[in-house]
Amino acid sequence: MPAAMVRRVMWAACHGGEFGRDAPPKPTPDGLTAALKRVHVEPEYVLFVGDSPGDMTAARAAGVLALGAVWGWHPPAALRAAGADHLLPGPTSIGPSLMDHLPQSTARAP
């Protein structure tokens, strides 16, 4: 599946779209897990950027890397306490360099 389509499906899953309608809300991982199954992507190949403790909890429960967006409503300590693997300092942190957060063995995943 093309990367652009995967991004679109994952965005929908995380923002109440196609997968979010039938799944309990975050912090349950159900919407994210359903999206991963739908696009046939293993959790170890996924980065989840969120700005709330519920986002971090859902990401961790789904087995994906949880990246906390510290420019949101919650302080960095709350994101860390909820399981953020890394904290992103600003929106400009979102880009190709996010792949650097994945383990080397998965950085080249399809």
PDB file of N, CA and C in Angstrom:
ATOM      1  N   MET A   1       0.852  -1.175   0.000  1.00  0.00           N
ATOM      2  CA  MET A   1       0.000   0.000   0.000  1.00  0.00           C
ATOM      3  C   MET A   1       0.901   1.242   0.000  1.00  0.00           C
ATOM      4  N   PRO A   2       0.616   2.225  -0.834  1.00  0.00           N
ATOM      5  CA  PRO A   2       1.450   3.432  -0.885  1.00  0.00           C
ATOM      6  C   PRO A   2       1.473   4.152   0.466  1.00  0.00           C
ATOM      7  N   ALA A   3       2.633   4.749   0.769  1.00  0.00           N
ATOM      8  CA  ALA A   3       2.812   5.437   2.055  1.00  0.00           C
ATOM      9  C   ALA A   3       1.766   6.519   2.277  1.00  0.00           C
ATOM     10  N   ALA A   4       1.389   7.247   1.225  1.00  0.00           N
ATOM     11  CA  ALA A   4       0.392   8.314   1.385  1.00  0.00           C
ATOM     12  C   ALA A   4      -0.950   7.741   1.832  1.00  0.00           C
ATOM     13  N   MET A   5      -1.298   6.573   1.318  1.00  0.00           N
ATOM     14  CA  MET A   5      -2.562   5.950   1.714  1.00  0.00           C
ATOM     15  C   MET A   5      -2.490   5.462   3.158  1.00  0.00           C
ATOM     16  N   VAL A   6      -1.358   4.892   3.538  1.00  0.00           N
ATOM     17  CA  VAL A   6      -1.184   4.449   4.923  1.00  0.00           C
ATOM     18  C   VAL A   6      -1.331   5.634   5.861  1.00  0.00           C
ATOM     19  N   ARG A   7      -0.702   6.755   5.529  1.00  0.00           N
ATOM     20  CA  ARG A   7      -0.806   7.948   6.379  1.00  0.00           C
ATOM     21  C   ARG A   7      -2.252   8.402   6.501  1.00  0.00           C
ATOM     22  N   ARG A   8      -2.979   8.388   5.394  1.00  0.00           N
ATOM     23  CA  ARG A   8      -4.372   8.835   5.415  1.00  0.00           C
ATOM     24  C   ARG A   8      -5.224   7.903   6.283  1.00  0.00           C
ATOM     25  N   VAL A   9      -5.033   6.597   6.144  1.00  0.00           N
ATOM     26  CA  VAL A   9      -5.789   5.638   6.941  1.00  0.00           C
ATOM     27  C   VAL A   9      -5.444   5.789   8.414  1.00  0.00           C
ATOM     28  N   MET A  10      -4.175   5.954   8.723  1.00  0.00           N
ATOM     29  CA  MET A  10      -3.776   6.085  10.124  1.00  0.00           C
ATOM     30  C   MET A  10      -4.312   7.392  10.698  1.00  0.00           C
ATOM     31  N   TRP A  11      -4.307   8.465   9.935  1.00  0.00           N
ATOM     32  CA  TRP A  11      -4.862   9.739  10.416  1.00  0.00           C
ATOM     33  C   TRP A  11      -6.347   9.565  10.743  1.00  0.00           C
ATOM     34  N   ALA A  12      -7.064   8.893   9.857  1.00  0.00           N
ATOM     35  CA  ALA A  12      -8.493   8.657  10.098  1.00  0.00           C
ATOM     36  C   ALA A  12      -8.701   7.828  11.357  1.00  0.00           C
ATOM     37  N   ALA A  13      -7.865   6.838  11.558  1.00  0.00           N
ATOM     38  CA  ALA A  13      -8.016   5.976  12.729  1.00  0.00           C
ATOM     39  C   ALA A  13      -7.808   6.747  14.025  1.00  0.00           C
ATOM     40  N   CYS A  14      -6.915   7.678  13.984  1.00  0.00           N
ATOM     41  CA  CYS A  14      -6.557   8.385  15.208  1.00  0.00           C
ATOM     42  C   CYS A  14      -7.404   9.618  15.458  1.00  0.00           C
ATOM     43  N   HIS A  15      -8.207  10.022  14.511  1.00  0.00           N
ATOM     44  CA  HIS A  15      -9.009  11.229  14.674  1.00  0.00           C
ATOM     45  C   HIS A  15     -10.495  10.974  14.452  1.00  0.00           C
ATOM     46  N   GLY A  16     -10.960   9.809  14.881  1.00  0.00           N
ATOM     47  CA  GLY A  16     -12.386   9.535  14.842  1.00  0.00           C
ATOM     48  C   GLY A  16     -12.952   9.253  13.473  1.00  0.00           C
ATOM     49  N   GLY A  17     -12.117   8.881  12.537  1.00  0.00           N
ATOM     50  CA  GLY A  17     -12.598   8.590  11.193  1.00  0.00           C
ATOM     51  C   GLY A  17     -13.161   7.189  11.092  1.00  0.00           C
ATOM     52  N   GLU A  18     -12.883   6.552   9.997  1.00  0.00           N
ATOM     53  CA  GLU A  18     -13.472   5.251   9.678  1.00  0.00           C
ATOM     54  C   GLU A  18     -13.325   4.239  10.805  1.00  0.00           C
ATOM     55  N   PHE A  19     -12.167   4.162  11.416  1.00  0.00           N
ATOM     56  CA  PHE A  19     -11.936   3.161  12.443  1.00  0.00           C
ATOM     57  C   PHE A  19     -12.397   3.645  13.810  1.00  0.00           C
ATOM     58  N   GLY A  20     -12.339   4.936  14.053  1.00  0.00           N
ATOM     59  CA  GLY A  20     -12.692   5.485  15.347  1.00  0.00           C
ATOM     60  C   GLY A  20     -14.164   5.394  15.685  1.00  0.00           C
ATOM     61  N   ARG A  21     -15.020   5.352  14.674  1.00  0.00           N
ATOM     62  CA  ARG A  21     -16.467   5.313  14.920  1.00  0.00           C
ATOM     63  C   ARG A  21     -16.893   4.067  15.671  1.00  0.00           C
ATOM     64  N   ASP A  22     -16.313   2.934  15.347  1.00  0.00           N
ATOM     65  CA  ASP A  22     -16.722   1.676  15.944  1.00  0.00           C
ATOM     66  C   ASP A  22     -15.859   1.255  17.123  1.00  0.00           C
ATOM     67  N   ALA A  23     -14.857   2.019  17.456  1.00  0.00           N
ATOM     68  CA  ALA A  23     -13.943   1.655  18.528  1.00  0.00           C
ATOM     69  C   ALA A  23     -14.156   2.553  19.740  1.00  0.00           C
ATOM     70  N   PRO A  24     -13.919   2.007  20.920  1.00  0.00           N
ATOM     71  CA  PRO A  24     -13.961   2.868  22.099  1.00  0.00           C
ATOM     72  C   PRO A  24     -12.903   3.960  21.953  1.00  0.00           C
ATOM     73  N   PRO A  25     -13.111   5.099  22.583  1.00  0.00           N
ATOM     74  CA  PRO A  25     -12.139   6.191  22.448  1.00  0.00           C
ATOM     75  C   PRO A  25     -10.814   5.879  23.142  1.00  0.00           C
ATOM     76  N   LYS A  26      -9.782   6.628  22.743  1.00  0.00           N
ATOM     77  CA  LYS A  26      -8.510   6.530  23.439  1.00  0.00           C
ATOM     78  C   LYS A  26      -8.769   6.883  24.902  1.00  0.00           C
ATOM     79  N   PRO A  27      -8.144   6.247  25.834  1.00  0.00           N
ATOM     80  CA  PRO A  27      -6.844   5.580  25.719  1.00  0.00           C
ATOM     81  C   PRO A  27      -6.868   4.117  25.300  1.00  0.00           C
ATOM     82  N   THR A  28      -8.029   3.561  24.938  1.00  0.00           N
ATOM     83  CA  THR A  28      -7.994   2.193  24.419  1.00  0.00           C
ATOM     84  C   THR A  28      -7.295   2.209  23.060  1.00  0.00           C
ATOM     85  N   PRO A  29      -6.580   1.148  22.741  1.00  0.00           N
ATOM     86  CA  PRO A  29      -5.848   1.101  21.473  1.00  0.00           C
ATOM     87  C   PRO A  29      -6.671   0.567  20.310  1.00  0.00           C
ATOM     88  N   ASP A  30      -7.955   0.336  20.518  1.00  0.00           N
ATOM     89  CA  ASP A  30      -8.761  -0.384  19.531  1.00  0.00           C
ATOM     90  C   ASP A  30      -8.771   0.247  18.142  1.00  0.00           C
ATOM     91  N   GLY A  31      -8.939   1.551  18.045  1.00  0.00           N
ATOM     92  CA  GLY A  31      -8.952   2.213  16.740  1.00  0.00           C
ATOM     93  C   GLY A  31      -7.621   2.096  16.033  1.00  0.00           C
ATOM     94  N   LEU A  32      -6.552   2.287  16.768  1.00  0.00           N
ATOM     95  CA  LEU A  32      -5.215   2.185  16.196  1.00  0.00           C
ATOM     96  C   LEU A  32      -4.923   0.750  15.773  1.00  0.00           C
ATOM     97  N   THR A  33      -5.274  -0.198  16.611  1.00  0.00           N
ATOM     98  CA  THR A  33      -5.056  -1.605  16.289  1.00  0.00           C
ATOM     99  C   THR A  33      -5.849  -2.011  15.044  1.00  0.00           C
ATOM    100  N   ALA A  34      -7.094  -1.555  14.948  1.00  0.00           N
ATOM    101  CA  ALA A  34      -7.907  -1.860  13.762  1.00  0.00           C
ATOM    102  C   ALA A  34      -7.283  -1.281  12.501  1.00  0.00           C
ATOM    103  N   ALA A  35      -6.760  -0.060  12.599  1.00  0.00           N
ATOM    104  CA  ALA A  35      -6.127   0.566  11.437  1.00  0.00           C
ATOM    105  C   ALA A  35      -4.893  -0.207  11.005  1.00  0.00           C
ATOM    106  N   LEU A  36      -4.093  -0.632  11.953  1.00  0.00           N
ATOM    107  CA  LEU A  36      -2.893  -1.403  11.617  1.00  0.00           C
ATOM    108  C   LEU A  36      -3.261  -2.699  10.901  1.00  0.00           C
ATOM    109  N   LYS A  37      -4.284  -3.369  11.406  1.00  0.00           N
ATOM    110  CA  LYS A  37      -4.716  -4.611  10.756  1.00  0.00           C
ATOM    111  C   LYS A  37      -5.246  -4.336   9.358  1.00  0.00           C
ATOM    112  N   ARG A  38      -5.979  -3.245   9.209  1.00  0.00           N
ATOM    113  CA  ARG A  38      -6.581  -2.909   7.911  1.00  0.00           C
ATOM    114  C   ARG A  38      -5.528  -2.674   6.842  1.00  0.00           C
ATOM    115  N   VAL A  39      -4.428  -2.037   7.223  1.00  0.00           N
ATOM    116  CA  VAL A  39      -3.394  -1.734   6.232  1.00  0.00           C
ATOM    117  C   VAL A  39      -2.236  -2.732   6.265  1.00  0.00           C
ATOM    118  N   HIS A  40      -2.380  -3.775   7.088  1.00  0.00           N
ATOM    119  CA  HIS A  40      -1.377  -4.842   7.165  1.00  0.00           C
ATOM    120  C   HIS A  40       0.006  -4.310   7.528  1.00  0.00           C
ATOM    121  N   VAL A  41       0.053  -3.469   8.551  1.00  0.00           N
ATOM    122  CA  VAL A  41       1.324  -2.915   9.021  1.00  0.00           C
ATOM    123  C   VAL A  41       1.536  -3.378  10.458  1.00  0.00           C
ATOM    124  N   GLU A  42       2.704  -3.925  10.722  1.00  0.00           N
ATOM    125  CA  GLU A  42       3.038  -4.386  12.064  1.00  0.00           C
ATOM    126  C   GLU A  42       3.336  -3.179  12.957  1.00  0.00           C
ATOM    127  N   PRO A  43       2.974  -3.259  14.239  1.00  0.00           N
ATOM    128  CA  PRO A  43       3.170  -2.124  15.157  1.00  0.00           C
ATOM    129  C   PRO A  43       4.604  -1.605  15.233  1.00  0.00           C
ATOM    130  N   GLU A  44       5.583  -2.483  15.090  1.00  0.00           N
ATOM    131  CA  GLU A  44       6.974  -2.034  15.219  1.00  0.00           C
ATOM    132  C   GLU A  44       7.403  -1.085  14.105  1.00  0.00           C
ATOM    133  N   TYR A  45       6.581  -0.949  13.052  1.00  0.00           N
ATOM    134  CA  TYR A  45       6.888  -0.033  11.964  1.00  0.00           C
ATOM    135  C   TYR A  45       6.152   1.294  12.074  1.00  0.00           C
ATOM    136  N   VAL A  46       5.493   1.525  13.205  1.00  0.00           N
ATOM    137  CA  VAL A  46       4.609   2.683  13.332  1.00  0.00           C
ATOM    138  C   VAL A  46       5.093   3.646  14.408  1.00  0.00           C
ATOM    139  N   LEU A  47       5.030   4.927  14.073  1.00  0.00           N
ATOM    140  CA  LEU A  47       5.261   6.021  15.015  1.00  0.00           C
ATOM    141  C   LEU A  47       3.918   6.692  15.255  1.00  0.00           C
ATOM    142  N   PHE A  48       3.588   6.939  16.503  1.00  0.00           N
ATOM    143  CA  PHE A  48       2.332   7.598  16.837  1.00  0.00           C
ATOM    144  C   PHE A  48       2.660   8.911  17.532  1.00  0.00           C
ATOM    145  N   VAL A  49       2.296  10.010  16.932  1.00  0.00           N
ATOM    146  CA  VAL A  49       2.519  11.328  17.524  1.00  0.00           C
ATOM    147  C   VAL A  49       1.211  11.778  18.166  1.00  0.00           C
ATOM    148  N   GLY A  50       1.279  12.081  19.449  1.00  0.00           N
ATOM    149  CA  GLY A  50       0.085  12.530  20.157  1.00  0.00           C
ATOM    150  C   GLY A  50       0.430  13.587  21.178  1.00  0.00           C
ATOM    151  N   ASP A  51      -0.599  14.328  21.613  1.00  0.00           N
ATOM    152  CA  ASP A  51      -0.343  15.416  22.562  1.00  0.00           C
ATOM    153  C   ASP A  51      -1.061  15.230  23.893  1.00  0.00           C
ATOM    154  N   SER A  52      -1.536  14.008  24.159  1.00  0.00           N
ATOM    155  CA  SER A  52      -2.225  13.785  25.428  1.00  0.00           C
ATOM    156  C   SER A  52      -1.752  12.487  26.069  1.00  0.00           C
ATOM    157  N   PRO A  53      -1.929  12.377  27.385  1.00  0.00           N
ATOM    158  CA  PRO A  53      -1.604  11.110  28.044  1.00  0.00           C
ATOM    159  C   PRO A  53      -2.398   9.941  27.452  1.00  0.00           C
ATOM    160  N   GLY A  54      -3.661  10.173  27.066  1.00  0.00           N
ATOM    161  CA  GLY A  54      -4.453   9.118  26.442  1.00  0.00           C
ATOM    162  C   GLY A  54      -3.856   8.635  25.135  1.00  0.00           C
ATOM    163  N   ASP A  55      -3.283   9.555  24.364  1.00  0.00           N
ATOM    164  CA  ASP A  55      -2.601   9.182  23.124  1.00  0.00           C
ATOM    165  C   ASP A  55      -1.419   8.264  23.416  1.00  0.00           C
ATOM    166  N   MET A  56      -0.642   8.619  24.445  1.00  0.00           N
ATOM    167  CA  MET A  56       0.534   7.826  24.790  1.00  0.00           C
ATOM    168  C   MET A  56       0.118   6.438  25.277  1.00  0.00           C
ATOM    169  N   THR A  57      -0.921   6.389  26.086  1.00  0.00           N
ATOM    170  CA  THR A  57      -1.410   5.114  26.602  1.00  0.00           C
ATOM    171  C   THR A  57      -1.901   4.222  25.460  1.00  0.00           C
ATOM    172  N   ALA A  58      -2.657   4.789  24.529  1.00  0.00           N
ATOM    173  CA  ALA A  58      -3.167   4.021  23.392  1.00  0.00           C
ATOM    174  C   ALA A  58      -2.018   3.509  22.528  1.00  0.00           C
ATOM    175  N   ALA A  59      -1.058   4.359  22.259  1.00  0.00           N
ATOM    176  CA  ALA A  59       0.080   3.958  21.428  1.00  0.00           C
ATOM    177  C   ALA A  59       0.847   2.808  22.070  1.00  0.00           C
ATOM    178  N   ARG A  60       1.145   2.943  23.339  1.00  0.00           N
ATOM    179  CA  ARG A  60       1.892   1.893  24.032  1.00  0.00           C
ATOM    180  C   ARG A  60       1.107   0.586  24.051  1.00  0.00           C
ATOM    181  N   ALA A  61      -0.202   0.675  24.303  1.00  0.00           N
ATOM    182  CA  ALA A  61      -1.038  -0.531  24.345  1.00  0.00           C
ATOM    183  C   ALA A  61      -1.117  -1.198  22.973  1.00  0.00           C
ATOM    184  N   ALA A  62      -1.013  -0.411  21.905  1.00  0.00           N
ATOM    185  CA  ALA A  62      -1.042  -0.959  20.550  1.00  0.00           C
ATOM    186  C   ALA A  62       0.321  -1.485  20.112  1.00  0.00           C
ATOM    187  N   GLY A  63       1.355  -1.217  20.905  1.00  0.00           N
ATOM    188  CA  GLY A  63       2.688  -1.701  20.576  1.00  0.00           C
ATOM    189  C   GLY A  63       3.451  -0.830  19.605  1.00  0.00           C
ATOM    190  N   VAL A  64       3.024   0.433  19.446  1.00  0.00           N
ATOM    191  CA  VAL A  64       3.723   1.345  18.547  1.00  0.00           C
ATOM    192  C   VAL A  64       4.568   2.326  19.348  1.00  0.00           C
ATOM    193  N   LEU A  65       5.501   2.973  18.688  1.00  0.00           N
ATOM    194  CA  LEU A  65       6.353   3.952  19.340  1.00  0.00           C
ATOM    195  C   LEU A  65       5.545   5.207  19.624  1.00  0.00           C
ATOM    196  N   ALA A  66       5.530   5.621  20.885  1.00  0.00           N
ATOM    197  CA  ALA A  66       4.731   6.773  21.325  1.00  0.00           C
ATOM    198  C   ALA A  66       5.606   8.016  21.392  1.00  0.00           C
ATOM    199  N   LEU A  67       5.276   9.003  20.555  1.00  0.00           N
ATOM    200  CA  LEU A  67       6.016  10.260  20.528  1.00  0.00           C
ATOM    201  C   LEU A  67       5.109  11.371  21.038  1.00  0.00           C
ATOM    202  N   GLY A  68       5.543  12.031  22.114  1.00  0.00           N
ATOM    203  CA  GLY A  68       4.734  13.070  22.725  1.00  0.00           C
ATOM    204  C   GLY A  68       4.988  14.436  22.122  1.00  0.00           C
ATOM    205  N   ALA A  69       3.917  15.088  21.694  1.00  0.00           N
ATOM    206  CA  ALA A  69       3.987  16.442  21.136  1.00  0.00           C
ATOM    207  C   ALA A  69       3.834  17.429  22.293  1.00  0.00           C
ATOM    208  N   VAL A  70       4.915  18.026  22.713  1.00  0.00           N
ATOM    209  CA  VAL A  70       4.881  18.872  23.909  1.00  0.00           C
ATOM    210  C   VAL A  70       4.257  20.238  23.674  1.00  0.00           C
ATOM    211  N   TRP A  71       3.891  20.566  22.447  1.00  0.00           N
ATOM    212  CA  TRP A  71       3.260  21.858  22.174  1.00  0.00           C
ATOM    213  C   TRP A  71       1.739  21.792  22.349  1.00  0.00           C
ATOM    214  N   GLY A  72       1.228  20.663  22.781  1.00  0.00           N
ATOM    215  CA  GLY A  72      -0.209  20.514  23.003  1.00  0.00           C
ATOM    216  C   GLY A  72      -0.619  21.017  24.380  1.00  0.00           C
ATOM    217  N   TRP A  73      -1.724  20.499  24.864  1.00  0.00           N
ATOM    218  CA  TRP A  73      -2.310  20.966  26.116  1.00  0.00           C
ATOM    219  C   TRP A  73      -1.678  20.374  27.358  1.00  0.00           C
ATOM    220  N   HIS A  74      -0.917  19.306  27.225  1.00  0.00           N
ATOM    221  CA  HIS A  74      -0.400  18.599  28.394  1.00  0.00           C
ATOM    222  C   HIS A  74       1.103  18.810  28.543  1.00  0.00           C
ATOM    223  N   PRO A  75       1.569  18.957  29.775  1.00  0.00           N
ATOM    224  CA  PRO A  75       3.004  19.182  29.994  1.00  0.00           C
ATOM    225  C   PRO A  75       3.827  17.932  29.659  1.00  0.00           C
ATOM    226  N   PRO A  76       5.087  18.141  29.335  1.00  0.00           N
ATOM    227  CA  PRO A  76       5.959  17.011  29.004  1.00  0.00           C
ATOM    228  C   PRO A  76       5.955  15.917  30.080  1.00  0.00           C
ATOM    229  N   ALA A  77       5.929  16.310  31.350  1.00  0.00           N
ATOM    230  CA  ALA A  77       5.956  15.305  32.422  1.00  0.00           C
ATOM    231  C   ALA A  77       4.748  14.376  32.361  1.00  0.00           C
ATOM    232  N   ALA A  78       3.584  14.908  31.990  1.00  0.00           N
ATOM    233  CA  ALA A  78       2.380  14.078  31.883  1.00  0.00           C
ATOM    234  C   ALA A  78       2.496  13.100  30.724  1.00  0.00           C
ATOM    235  N   LEU A  79       3.089  13.555  29.624  1.00  0.00           N
ATOM    236  CA  LEU A  79       3.275  12.666  28.474  1.00  0.00           C
ATOM    237  C   LEU A  79       4.269  11.556  28.812  1.00  0.00           C
ATOM    238  N   ARG A  80       5.349  11.925  29.485  1.00  0.00           N
ATOM    239  CA  ARG A  80       6.345  10.930  29.913  1.00  0.00           C
ATOM    240  C   ARG A  80       5.719   9.917  30.865  1.00  0.00           C
ATOM    241  N   ALA A  81       4.974  10.423  31.853  1.00  0.00           N
ATOM    242  CA  ALA A  81       4.346   9.542  32.841  1.00  0.00           C
ATOM    243  C   ALA A  81       3.377   8.558  32.186  1.00  0.00           C
ATOM    244  N   ALA A  82       2.765   8.966  31.083  1.00  0.00           N
ATOM    245  CA  ALA A  82       1.812   8.111  30.374  1.00  0.00           C
ATOM    246  C   ALA A  82       2.498   7.152  29.406  1.00  0.00           C
ATOM    247  N   GLY A  83       3.831   7.248  29.282  1.00  0.00           N
ATOM    248  CA  GLY A  83       4.560   6.281  28.468  1.00  0.00           C
ATOM    249  C   GLY A  83       5.195   6.777  27.196  1.00  0.00           C
ATOM    250  N   ALA A  84       5.298   8.088  27.004  1.00  0.00           N
ATOM    251  CA  ALA A  84       5.954   8.589  25.787  1.00  0.00           C
ATOM    252  C   ALA A  84       7.373   8.034  25.693  1.00  0.00           C
ATOM    253  N   ASP A  85       7.709   7.485  24.533  1.00  0.00           N
ATOM    254  CA  ASP A  85       9.069   6.985  24.322  1.00  0.00           C
ATOM    255  C   ASP A  85      10.037   8.134  24.092  1.00  0.00           C
ATOM    256  N   HIS A  86       9.558   9.166  23.403  1.00  0.00           N
ATOM    257  CA  HIS A  86      10.350  10.365  23.119  1.00  0.00           C
ATOM    258  C   HIS A  86       9.402  11.551  23.133  1.00  0.00           C
ATOM    259  N   LEU A  87       9.961  12.731  23.384  1.00  0.00           N
ATOM    260  CA  LEU A  87       9.180  13.962  23.336  1.00  0.00           C
ATOM    261  C   LEU A  87       9.655  14.790  22.142  1.00  0.00           C
ATOM    262  N   LEU A  88       8.710  15.330  21.403  1.00  0.00           N
ATOM    263  CA  LEU A  88       9.019  16.181  20.253  1.00  0.00           C
ATOM    264  C   LEU A  88       8.840  17.634  20.680  1.00  0.00           C
ATOM    265  N   PRO A  89       9.842  18.470  20.485  1.00  0.00           N
ATOM    266  CA  PRO A  89       9.790  19.844  20.994  1.00  0.00           C
ATOM    267  C   PRO A  89       8.870  20.791  20.239  1.00  0.00           C
ATOM    268  N   GLY A  90       8.559  20.517  18.988  1.00  0.00           N
ATOM    269  CA  GLY A  90       7.708  21.425  18.222  1.00  0.00           C
ATOM    270  C   GLY A  90       7.222  20.769  16.951  1.00  0.00           C
ATOM    271  N   PRO A  91       6.247  21.391  16.286  1.00  0.00           N
ATOM    272  CA  PRO A  91       5.703  20.818  15.048  1.00  0.00           C
ATOM    273  C   PRO A  91       6.747  20.587  13.965  1.00  0.00           C
ATOM    274  N   THR A  92       7.818  21.376  13.976  1.00  0.00           N
ATOM    275  CA  THR A  92       8.855  21.177  12.964  1.00  0.00           C
ATOM    276  C   THR A  92       9.612  19.873  13.181  1.00  0.00           C
ATOM    277  N   SER A  93       9.373  19.205  14.309  1.00  0.00           N
ATOM    278  CA  SER A  93       9.986  17.900  14.564  1.00  0.00           C
ATOM    279  C   SER A  93       9.348  16.802  13.737  1.00  0.00           C
ATOM    280  N   ILE A  94       8.179  17.082  13.180  1.00  0.00           N
ATOM    281  CA  ILE A  94       7.479  16.074  12.388  1.00  0.00           C
ATOM    282  C   ILE A  94       8.003  16.145  10.954  1.00  0.00           C
ATOM    283  N   GLY A  95       8.578  15.067  10.510  1.00  0.00           N
ATOM    284  CA  GLY A  95       9.150  14.993   9.171  1.00  0.00           C
ATOM    285  C   GLY A  95       9.916  13.688   9.023  1.00  0.00           C
ATOM    286  N   PRO A  96      10.688  13.555   7.961  1.00  0.00           N
ATOM    287  CA  PRO A  96      11.410  12.310   7.707  1.00  0.00           C
ATOM    288  C   PRO A  96      12.326  11.882   8.850  1.00  0.00           C
ATOM    289  N   SER A  97      12.818  12.829   9.626  1.00  0.00           N
ATOM    290  CA  SER A  97      13.730  12.463  10.708  1.00  0.00           C
ATOM    291  C   SER A  97      13.045  11.655  11.814  1.00  0.00           C
ATOM    292  N   LEU A  98      11.707  11.616  11.816  1.00  0.00           N
ATOM    293  CA  LEU A  98      11.024  10.788  12.805  1.00  0.00           C
ATOM    294  C   LEU A  98      11.426   9.319  12.666  1.00  0.00           C
ATOM    295  N   MET A  99      11.788   8.902  11.464  1.00  0.00           N
ATOM    296  CA  MET A  99      12.214   7.519  11.257  1.00  0.00           C
ATOM    297  C   MET A  99      13.433   7.178  12.097  1.00  0.00           C
ATOM    298  N   ASP A 100      14.186   8.205  12.503  1.00  0.00           N
ATOM    299  CA  ASP A 100      15.356   7.972  13.340  1.00  0.00           C
ATOM    300  C   ASP A 100      14.972   7.395  14.695  1.00  0.00           C
ATOM    301  N   HIS A 101      13.715   7.543  15.085  1.00  0.00           N
ATOM    302  CA  HIS A 101      13.262   7.017  16.368  1.00  0.00           C
ATOM    303  C   HIS A 101      13.000   5.516  16.335  1.00  0.00           C
ATOM    304  N   LEU A 102      12.874   4.955  15.137  1.00  0.00           N
ATOM    305  CA  LEU A 102      12.642   3.512  15.013  1.00  0.00           C
ATOM    306  C   LEU A 102      13.958   2.774  15.169  1.00  0.00           C
ATOM    307  N   PRO A 103      13.909   1.566  15.703  1.00  0.00           N
ATOM    308  CA  PRO A 103      15.142   0.767  15.769  1.00  0.00           C
ATOM    309  C   PRO A 103      15.714   0.564  14.383  1.00  0.00           C
ATOM    310  N   GLN A 104      17.007   0.451  14.289  1.00  0.00           N
ATOM    311  CA  GLN A 104      17.680   0.290  12.999  1.00  0.00           C
ATOM    312  C   GLN A 104      17.091  -0.858  12.189  1.00  0.00           C
ATOM    313  N   SER A 105      16.716  -1.936  12.845  1.00  0.00           N
ATOM    314  CA  SER A 105      16.216  -3.102  12.115  1.00  0.00           C
ATOM    315  C   SER A 105      14.888  -2.823  11.433  1.00  0.00           C
ATOM    316  N   THR A 106      14.135  -1.787  11.875  1.00  0.00           N
ATOM    317  CA  THR A 106      12.851  -1.515  11.271  1.00  0.00           C
ATOM    318  C   THR A 106      12.839  -0.208  10.490  1.00  0.00           C
ATOM    319  N   ALA A 107      13.909   0.555  10.517  1.00  0.00           N
ATOM    320  CA  ALA A 107      13.921   1.865   9.877  1.00  0.00           C
ATOM    321  C   ALA A 107      13.720   1.769   8.366  1.00  0.00           C
ATOM    322  N   ARG A 108      14.026   0.639   7.781  1.00  0.00           N
ATOM    323  CA  ARG A 108      13.876   0.496   6.338  1.00  0.00           C
ATOM    324  C   ARG A 108      12.640  -0.322   5.976  1.00  0.00           C
ATOM    325  N   ALA A 109      11.687  -0.380   6.870  1.00  0.00           N
ATOM    326  CA  ALA A 109      10.492  -1.206   6.631  1.00  0.00           C
ATOM    327  C   ALA A 109       9.672  -0.640   5.479  1.00  0.00           C
ATOM    328  N   PRO A 110       8.908  -1.506   4.833  1.00  0.00           N
ATOM    329  CA  PRO A 110       8.060  -1.043   3.713  1.00  0.00           C
ATOM    330  C   PRO A 110       6.991  -0.087   4.175  1.00  0.00           C
TER     331      PRO A 110
END
